[in-house]
Amino acid sequence: MSHIPTNTLARVAVFFFILGAALLSLPSILAVSVQHEEKKALAAMAEQFPVTVNPREKRIVEDARVNTFLESSASPLTAAVGNVGDVVASIFAWVAIGIADAPWYQSLAAATVGDTRFVSITPGMRREQVANAFAKALVWSAAQKKEFLAVSATALPLSEGAFSPGIYTLAKGTTPSVAQALIKDRFDMDVLSHYGTTTARMVPLDQALAIASLIEREAGGSDDRRVISGIIWNRLFINMNLQIDATLQYVKADASAAQGWWPKVVPADRFRKSAYNTYLHPGLPPTPIASPSVAAILAALNPRETSCLFYFHDANRQFHCTDTYAEHVALLKKYYGRGK
């Protein structure tokens, strides 16, 4: 047996120690690598809205990465992609708006805030509501409010559905055209900058906004947005009338805003003559019926795969969906004692 130098044995021992450590740590290294790739994929989605519905082939393709992206705590389902903003300023603005809504505070608000005005556009507002909000905060005349709506029709991609929700900070005396320019800039940042060509080829922007506006008005919360989206797409796939009550509200308010911009719907409203009446006419309404949030737009582009065709919310705002009309009526009778 030949003699092996001590230093050689030491090197061999070190080599196998390193090899063993590498093998033991390989799963962790691979896990870190996978996490890194997942983060890269999620970052790419944040840059451009993902889309998992295929209208041409009439199918919804579930994607685990997209689901992870949309369901994470940092999901744009709760905030516009890439537009986190200053939290402290947002909180201040919300407080200012809340206080300013009280009539007795109007004069004090002007003195305290100075020339600054806050306008809150919430998801689901129709264009007239947006105009009213700006007109109230900026003390516009009827002519200025009319000008704001006229400018909107040419400045935005759509005359309805493109008033990006959020808090707008404006100076006293801001004109309708300047206010509209601010809205356009925010819509460009929140939506258009993330609406890539691949997404647009699959679902054109006007269709996405129309579906998103229906989801915004119909959903009871974040949990059912994507399921309602799946039901809307299912109906479109089989050329079934959408039968969305929110479209009847949109039509009914056009006749008289005295009942509010989203009045209660009664059975007779289903026969109102309007291109927006989705009980009478197939397909999507001519335009969106309101301005949706980024969350609703993402839900429109990434519906949940479901076999349901009918849905409703019970008195406790719990969501129920069924495959058949008979099941739908049975559930309605169970929760409300009547059919629909």
Protein backbone atom coordinates (compact mmCIF):
# COMPACT_ATOMS: atom_id res chain seq x y z
CA MET A 1 0.00 0.00 0.00
CA SER A 2 1.51 3.26 -1.11
CA HIS A 3 1.67 6.20 1.24
CA ILE A 4 -0.63 9.16 0.44
CA PRO A 5 0.67 12.52 1.65
CA THR A 6 -1.30 14.12 4.46
CA ASN A 7 -1.82 17.33 2.49
CA THR A 8 -3.35 15.33 -0.39
CA LEU A 9 -5.76 13.61 1.98
CA ALA A 10 -6.69 17.03 3.33
CA ARG A 11 -7.42 18.33 -0.18
CA VAL A 12 -9.55 15.25 -0.95
CA ALA A 13 -11.45 15.69 2.30
CA VAL A 14 -12.09 19.36 1.54
CA PHE A 15 -13.23 18.46 -2.00
CA PHE A 16 -15.78 15.91 -0.80
CA PHE A 17 -16.91 18.23 1.97
CA ILE A 18 -17.60 20.97 -0.57
CA LEU A 19 -19.25 18.49 -2.95
CA GLY A 20 -21.46 17.17 -0.15
CA ALA A 21 -22.41 20.65 0.96
CA ALA A 22 -23.24 21.58 -2.63
CA LEU A 23 -25.43 18.50 -3.06
CA LEU A 24 -27.21 19.16 0.23
CA SER A 25 -27.83 22.79 -0.69
CA LEU A 26 -28.84 22.03 -4.30
CA PRO A 27 -32.61 21.93 -3.52
CA SER A 28 -32.34 25.33 -1.83
CA ILE A 29 -30.37 26.74 -4.74
CA LEU A 30 -32.92 25.38 -7.19
CA ALA A 31 -35.77 26.78 -5.07
CA VAL A 32 -34.15 30.21 -5.03
CA SER A 33 -33.63 29.97 -8.80
CA VAL A 34 -37.27 29.01 -9.35
CA GLN A 35 -38.44 31.86 -7.08
CA HIS A 36 -36.25 34.26 -9.02
CA GLU A 37 -37.79 33.12 -12.31
CA GLU A 38 -41.27 33.38 -10.83
CA LYS A 39 -40.54 36.92 -9.67
CA LYS A 40 -39.28 37.81 -13.15
CA ALA A 41 -42.46 36.38 -14.66
CA LEU A 42 -44.66 38.28 -12.21
CA ALA A 43 -42.72 41.49 -12.89
CA ALA A 44 -43.31 41.00 -16.61
CA MET A 45 -47.04 40.66 -15.94
CA ALA A 46 -46.98 43.90 -13.96
CA GLU A 47 -45.54 45.61 -17.03
CA GLN A 48 -48.24 44.29 -19.35
CA PHE A 49 -51.68 43.04 -18.39
CA PRO A 50 -51.89 39.26 -18.77
CA VAL A 51 -54.81 37.74 -20.68
CA THR A 52 -56.04 34.16 -20.26
CA VAL A 53 -59.30 34.30 -22.19
CA ASN A 54 -59.37 33.38 -25.88
CA PRO A 55 -62.53 34.81 -27.49
CA ARG A 56 -61.70 33.40 -30.94
CA GLU A 57 -61.46 29.85 -29.65
CA LYS A 58 -64.18 30.51 -27.06
CA ARG A 59 -62.25 29.21 -24.11
CA ILE A 60 -60.65 30.28 -20.85
CA VAL A 61 -57.14 29.01 -20.12
CA GLU A 62 -56.22 28.94 -16.44
CA ASP A 63 -52.60 29.95 -15.80
CA ALA A 64 -51.10 29.23 -12.37
CA ARG A 65 -48.64 32.13 -12.70
CA VAL A 66 -51.42 34.58 -13.54
CA ASN A 67 -53.52 33.30 -10.63
CA THR A 68 -50.56 33.79 -8.29
CA PHE A 69 -50.01 37.27 -9.66
CA LEU A 70 -53.63 38.32 -9.27
CA GLU A 71 -54.13 36.74 -5.87
CA SER A 72 -50.95 37.97 -4.18
CA SER A 73 -51.10 40.58 -1.42
CA ALA A 74 -49.41 43.09 -3.74
CA SER A 75 -51.85 42.37 -6.55
CA PRO A 76 -53.08 45.17 -8.80
CA LEU A 77 -56.54 43.86 -7.95
CA THR A 78 -56.26 46.29 -5.05
CA ALA A 79 -54.15 49.03 -6.67
CA ALA A 80 -53.25 50.20 -10.15
CA VAL A 81 -50.17 48.46 -11.55
CA GLY A 82 -47.06 50.55 -11.01
CA ASN A 83 -49.06 53.33 -9.36
CA VAL A 84 -48.66 52.75 -5.64
CA GLY A 85 -48.40 56.44 -4.90
CA ASP A 86 -47.82 58.21 -1.62
CA VAL A 87 -49.86 56.43 1.06
CA VAL A 88 -49.70 59.32 3.50
CA ALA A 89 -50.91 61.77 0.86
CA SER A 90 -53.71 59.40 -0.13
CA ILE A 91 -54.89 59.06 3.46
CA PHE A 92 -54.83 62.84 3.85
CA ALA A 93 -56.80 63.24 0.65
CA TRP A 94 -59.45 60.76 1.72
CA VAL A 95 -59.84 62.53 5.06
CA ALA A 96 -60.07 65.88 3.30
CA ILE A 97 -62.75 64.57 0.94
CA GLY A 98 -64.72 63.03 3.79
CA ILE A 99 -64.76 66.27 5.74
CA ALA A 100 -65.36 68.42 2.68
CA ASP A 101 -68.57 66.46 1.94
CA ALA A 102 -70.15 68.12 4.98
CA PRO A 103 -71.84 71.36 3.82
CA TRP A 104 -70.86 73.24 7.01
CA TYR A 105 -67.19 72.63 6.21
CA GLN A 106 -67.13 74.20 2.73
CA SER A 107 -65.89 77.64 3.74
CA LEU A 108 -63.45 76.27 6.34
CA ALA A 109 -62.04 73.79 3.80
CA ALA A 110 -61.29 76.61 1.38
CA ALA A 111 -59.48 78.51 4.09
CA THR A 112 -57.53 75.54 5.45
CA VAL A 113 -56.57 73.80 2.21
CA GLY A 114 -56.14 77.03 0.33
CA ASP A 115 -56.44 76.74 -3.42
CA THR A 116 -56.26 72.93 -3.41
CA ARG A 117 -59.31 70.86 -4.32
CA PHE A 118 -59.66 67.08 -4.04
CA VAL A 119 -61.89 65.08 -6.37
CA SER A 120 -62.58 61.42 -5.70
CA ILE A 121 -63.57 59.27 -8.69
CA THR A 122 -64.65 55.87 -7.43
CA PRO A 123 -64.82 52.73 -9.61
CA GLY A 124 -68.24 52.25 -11.17
CA MET A 125 -69.07 55.92 -11.74
CA ARG A 126 -70.68 56.87 -15.04
CA ARG A 127 -69.52 59.94 -16.96
CA GLU A 128 -72.23 62.23 -15.58
CA GLN A 129 -71.26 61.36 -12.02
CA VAL A 130 -67.63 62.15 -12.80
CA ALA A 131 -68.61 65.51 -14.29
CA ASN A 132 -70.72 66.30 -11.23
CA ALA A 133 -67.84 65.46 -8.87
CA PHE A 134 -65.43 67.80 -10.67
CA ALA A 135 -68.06 70.52 -11.05
CA LYS A 136 -68.90 70.42 -7.34
CA ALA A 137 -65.27 70.61 -6.20
CA LEU A 138 -64.26 73.29 -8.69
CA VAL A 139 -67.54 75.23 -8.60
CA TRP A 140 -68.08 74.96 -12.35
CA SER A 141 -71.06 76.42 -14.13
CA ALA A 142 -73.47 74.23 -16.12
CA ALA A 143 -71.68 75.35 -19.28
CA GLN A 144 -68.28 74.27 -17.90
CA LYS A 145 -69.65 70.88 -16.90
CA LYS A 146 -71.04 70.47 -20.42
CA GLU A 147 -67.63 71.48 -21.82
CA PHE A 148 -65.94 68.84 -19.63
CA LEU A 149 -68.14 66.11 -21.08
CA ALA A 150 -67.60 67.39 -24.62
CA VAL A 151 -63.82 67.38 -24.19
CA SER A 152 -64.01 63.87 -22.74
CA ALA A 153 -65.68 62.56 -25.87
CA THR A 154 -62.63 63.50 -27.96
CA ALA A 155 -59.72 63.32 -25.49
CA LEU A 156 -60.31 59.82 -24.11
CA PRO A 157 -60.30 56.50 -26.00
CA LEU A 158 -64.02 56.14 -25.15
CA SER A 159 -66.55 58.74 -24.05
CA GLU A 160 -67.65 56.37 -21.26
CA GLY A 161 -65.53 54.00 -19.20
CA ALA A 162 -62.14 55.74 -19.42
CA PHE A 163 -62.31 58.08 -16.41
CA SER A 164 -59.55 56.45 -14.39
CA PRO A 165 -60.68 56.11 -10.75
CA GLY A 166 -58.60 57.70 -8.02
CA ILE A 167 -58.07 60.92 -6.11
CA TYR A 168 -57.30 64.00 -8.18
CA THR A 169 -55.61 67.00 -6.62
CA LEU A 170 -56.39 70.22 -8.47
CA ALA A 171 -55.97 73.92 -8.01
CA LYS A 172 -58.96 76.15 -7.56
CA GLY A 173 -59.92 77.51 -10.98
CA THR A 174 -58.84 74.41 -12.92
CA THR A 175 -60.59 74.50 -16.30
CA PRO A 176 -62.52 71.57 -17.83
CA SER A 177 -59.85 70.99 -20.47
CA VAL A 178 -57.03 70.86 -17.90
CA ALA A 179 -59.04 68.52 -15.67
CA GLN A 180 -59.69 66.26 -18.63
CA ALA A 181 -55.99 66.25 -19.49
CA LEU A 182 -55.20 65.03 -15.97
CA ILE A 183 -57.76 62.23 -16.34
CA LYS A 184 -56.29 61.22 -19.68
CA ASP A 185 -52.76 61.14 -18.23
CA ARG A 186 -53.89 58.87 -15.40
CA PHE A 187 -55.76 56.54 -17.77
CA ASP A 188 -52.67 56.34 -19.97
CA MET A 189 -50.53 55.46 -16.94
CA ASP A 190 -52.96 53.06 -15.23
CA VAL A 191 -54.30 51.25 -18.29
CA LEU A 192 -52.86 52.07 -21.71
CA SER A 193 -49.22 51.75 -20.64
CA HIS A 194 -49.96 48.18 -19.52
CA TYR A 195 -52.24 47.21 -22.39
CA GLY A 196 -49.76 45.50 -24.70
CA THR A 197 -50.28 44.52 -28.33
CA THR A 198 -50.67 40.83 -27.45
CA THR A 199 -53.49 41.64 -25.03
CA ALA A 200 -55.10 44.07 -27.49
CA ARG A 201 -55.07 41.48 -30.27
CA MET A 202 -56.78 38.97 -27.99
CA VAL A 203 -59.28 41.38 -26.39
CA PRO A 204 -59.61 44.88 -27.87
CA LEU A 205 -59.57 47.67 -25.30
CA ASP A 206 -63.19 48.73 -25.86
CA GLN A 207 -64.41 45.17 -25.24
CA ALA A 208 -62.28 44.80 -22.12
CA LEU A 209 -63.58 48.09 -20.69
CA ALA A 210 -67.18 47.17 -21.51
CA ILE A 211 -66.90 43.82 -19.72
CA ALA A 212 -64.94 45.37 -16.85
CA SER A 213 -67.64 48.01 -16.38
CA LEU A 214 -70.29 45.27 -16.09
CA ILE A 215 -68.12 43.43 -13.55
CA GLU A 216 -67.57 46.65 -11.57
CA ARG A 217 -71.30 47.27 -11.27
CA GLU A 218 -72.26 43.64 -10.64
CA ALA A 219 -69.55 42.28 -8.32
CA GLY A 220 -70.09 42.18 -4.59
CA GLY A 221 -66.35 42.34 -3.87
CA SER A 222 -62.94 41.14 -4.98
CA ASP A 223 -63.81 37.47 -4.44
CA ASP A 224 -66.41 37.21 -7.19
CA ARG A 225 -65.04 39.53 -9.90
CA ARG A 226 -63.26 36.82 -11.89
CA VAL A 227 -66.12 34.33 -11.53
CA ILE A 228 -68.62 36.90 -12.84
CA SER A 229 -66.17 37.56 -15.66
CA GLY A 230 -66.16 33.83 -16.44
CA ILE A 231 -69.97 33.79 -16.52
CA ILE A 232 -70.10 36.82 -18.83
CA TRP A 233 -67.62 35.16 -21.19
CA ASN A 234 -69.54 31.87 -21.03
CA ARG A 235 -72.67 33.70 -22.16
CA LEU A 236 -70.81 35.46 -24.96
CA PHE A 237 -69.29 32.15 -26.11
CA ILE A 238 -72.74 30.62 -26.65
CA ASN A 239 -74.39 33.83 -27.97
CA MET A 240 -76.64 34.04 -24.93
CA ASN A 241 -77.98 37.47 -24.01
CA LEU A 242 -75.98 38.84 -21.09
CA GLN A 243 -79.08 39.87 -19.11
CA ILE A 244 -77.13 42.22 -16.84
CA ASP A 245 -79.31 44.35 -14.55
CA ALA A 246 -76.67 47.08 -14.37
CA THR A 247 -77.28 47.82 -18.07
CA LEU A 248 -80.96 48.37 -17.27
CA GLN A 249 -79.93 50.82 -14.55
CA TYR A 250 -77.78 52.64 -17.10
CA VAL A 251 -80.75 52.92 -19.47
CA LYS A 252 -83.26 53.83 -16.78
CA ALA A 253 -81.11 56.66 -15.39
CA ASP A 254 -80.85 58.16 -18.88
CA ALA A 255 -84.60 58.65 -18.75
CA SER A 256 -84.60 60.32 -15.34
CA ALA A 257 -81.67 60.93 -13.02
CA ALA A 258 -84.12 61.95 -10.31
CA GLN A 259 -84.02 58.36 -9.01
CA GLY A 260 -80.25 58.44 -8.86
CA TRP A 261 -77.78 57.36 -11.48
CA TRP A 262 -78.18 53.67 -10.56
CA PRO A 263 -81.91 53.28 -9.85
CA LYS A 264 -83.58 50.11 -8.66
CA VAL A 265 -84.57 47.75 -11.47
CA VAL A 266 -88.08 46.30 -11.78
CA PRO A 267 -89.22 43.51 -14.17
CA ALA A 268 -90.80 46.00 -16.59
CA ASP A 269 -87.36 47.57 -17.21
CA ARG A 270 -86.34 44.50 -19.20
CA PHE A 271 -88.47 45.77 -22.07
CA ARG A 272 -86.97 49.26 -22.26
CA LYS A 273 -85.95 50.07 -25.82
CA SER A 274 -82.24 50.76 -25.83
CA ALA A 275 -79.12 49.33 -27.42
CA TYR A 276 -77.78 49.05 -23.85
CA ASN A 277 -80.57 46.69 -22.80
CA THR A 278 -78.72 43.35 -22.61
CA TYR A 279 -81.99 41.50 -21.97
CA LEU A 280 -83.23 42.46 -25.44
CA HIS A 281 -79.98 42.59 -27.40
CA PRO A 282 -77.17 40.01 -27.66
CA GLY A 283 -73.50 40.78 -27.12
CA LEU A 284 -71.90 43.66 -25.25
CA PRO A 285 -73.49 47.11 -24.84
CA PRO A 286 -72.31 49.74 -27.36
CA THR A 287 -69.90 51.25 -24.80
CA PRO A 288 -68.89 50.60 -21.19
CA ILE A 289 -71.58 51.65 -18.71
CA ALA A 290 -69.13 53.02 -16.12
CA SER A 291 -65.44 53.54 -15.43
CA PRO A 292 -63.90 50.32 -14.09
CA SER A 293 -60.96 49.85 -11.76
CA VAL A 294 -57.75 48.16 -12.87
CA ALA A 295 -58.93 45.20 -10.80
CA ALA A 296 -62.09 44.86 -12.89
CA ILE A 297 -60.11 45.19 -16.14
CA LEU A 298 -57.77 42.40 -15.04
CA ALA A 299 -60.79 40.29 -14.10
CA ALA A 300 -62.27 40.88 -17.55
CA LEU A 301 -59.04 39.73 -19.20
CA ASN A 302 -58.46 36.82 -16.80
CA PRO A 303 -61.79 35.19 -15.92
CA ARG A 304 -62.09 32.13 -13.75
CA GLU A 305 -62.99 28.99 -15.65
CA THR A 306 -66.51 28.04 -14.55
CA SER A 307 -69.48 26.11 -15.89
CA CYS A 308 -71.92 28.65 -14.37
CA LEU A 309 -74.25 30.70 -16.55
CA PHE A 310 -76.40 32.33 -13.84
CA TYR A 311 -75.58 34.15 -10.61
CA PHE A 312 -76.94 36.42 -7.90
CA HIS A 313 -76.02 37.84 -4.50
CA ASP A 314 -78.23 37.07 -1.53
CA ALA A 315 -79.29 39.57 1.15
CA ASN A 316 -75.97 39.05 2.93
CA ARG A 317 -74.03 39.76 -0.28
CA GLN A 318 -72.99 36.11 -0.58
CA PHE A 319 -72.39 35.04 -4.16
CA HIS A 320 -74.22 32.10 -5.75
CA CYS A 321 -73.88 30.74 -9.28
CA THR A 322 -75.48 27.84 -11.12
CA ASP A 323 -75.21 26.04 -14.45
CA THR A 324 -78.91 26.02 -15.33
CA TYR A 325 -81.82 28.42 -15.09
CA ALA A 326 -83.85 25.87 -13.14
CA GLU A 327 -81.12 25.71 -10.48
CA HIS A 328 -80.95 29.51 -10.51
CA VAL A 329 -84.70 29.85 -9.86
CA ALA A 330 -84.59 27.21 -7.13
CA LEU A 331 -81.87 29.12 -5.29
CA LEU A 332 -83.69 32.42 -5.68
CA LYS A 333 -86.79 30.88 -4.14
CA LYS A 334 -84.68 29.50 -1.30
CA TYR A 335 -83.13 32.88 -0.46
CA TYR A 336 -85.86 35.28 -1.55
CA GLY A 337 -88.99 33.16 -1.83
CA ARG A 338 -89.42 34.04 -5.50
CA GLY A 339 -88.04 33.32 -8.95
CA LYS A 340 -86.56 35.78 -11.40
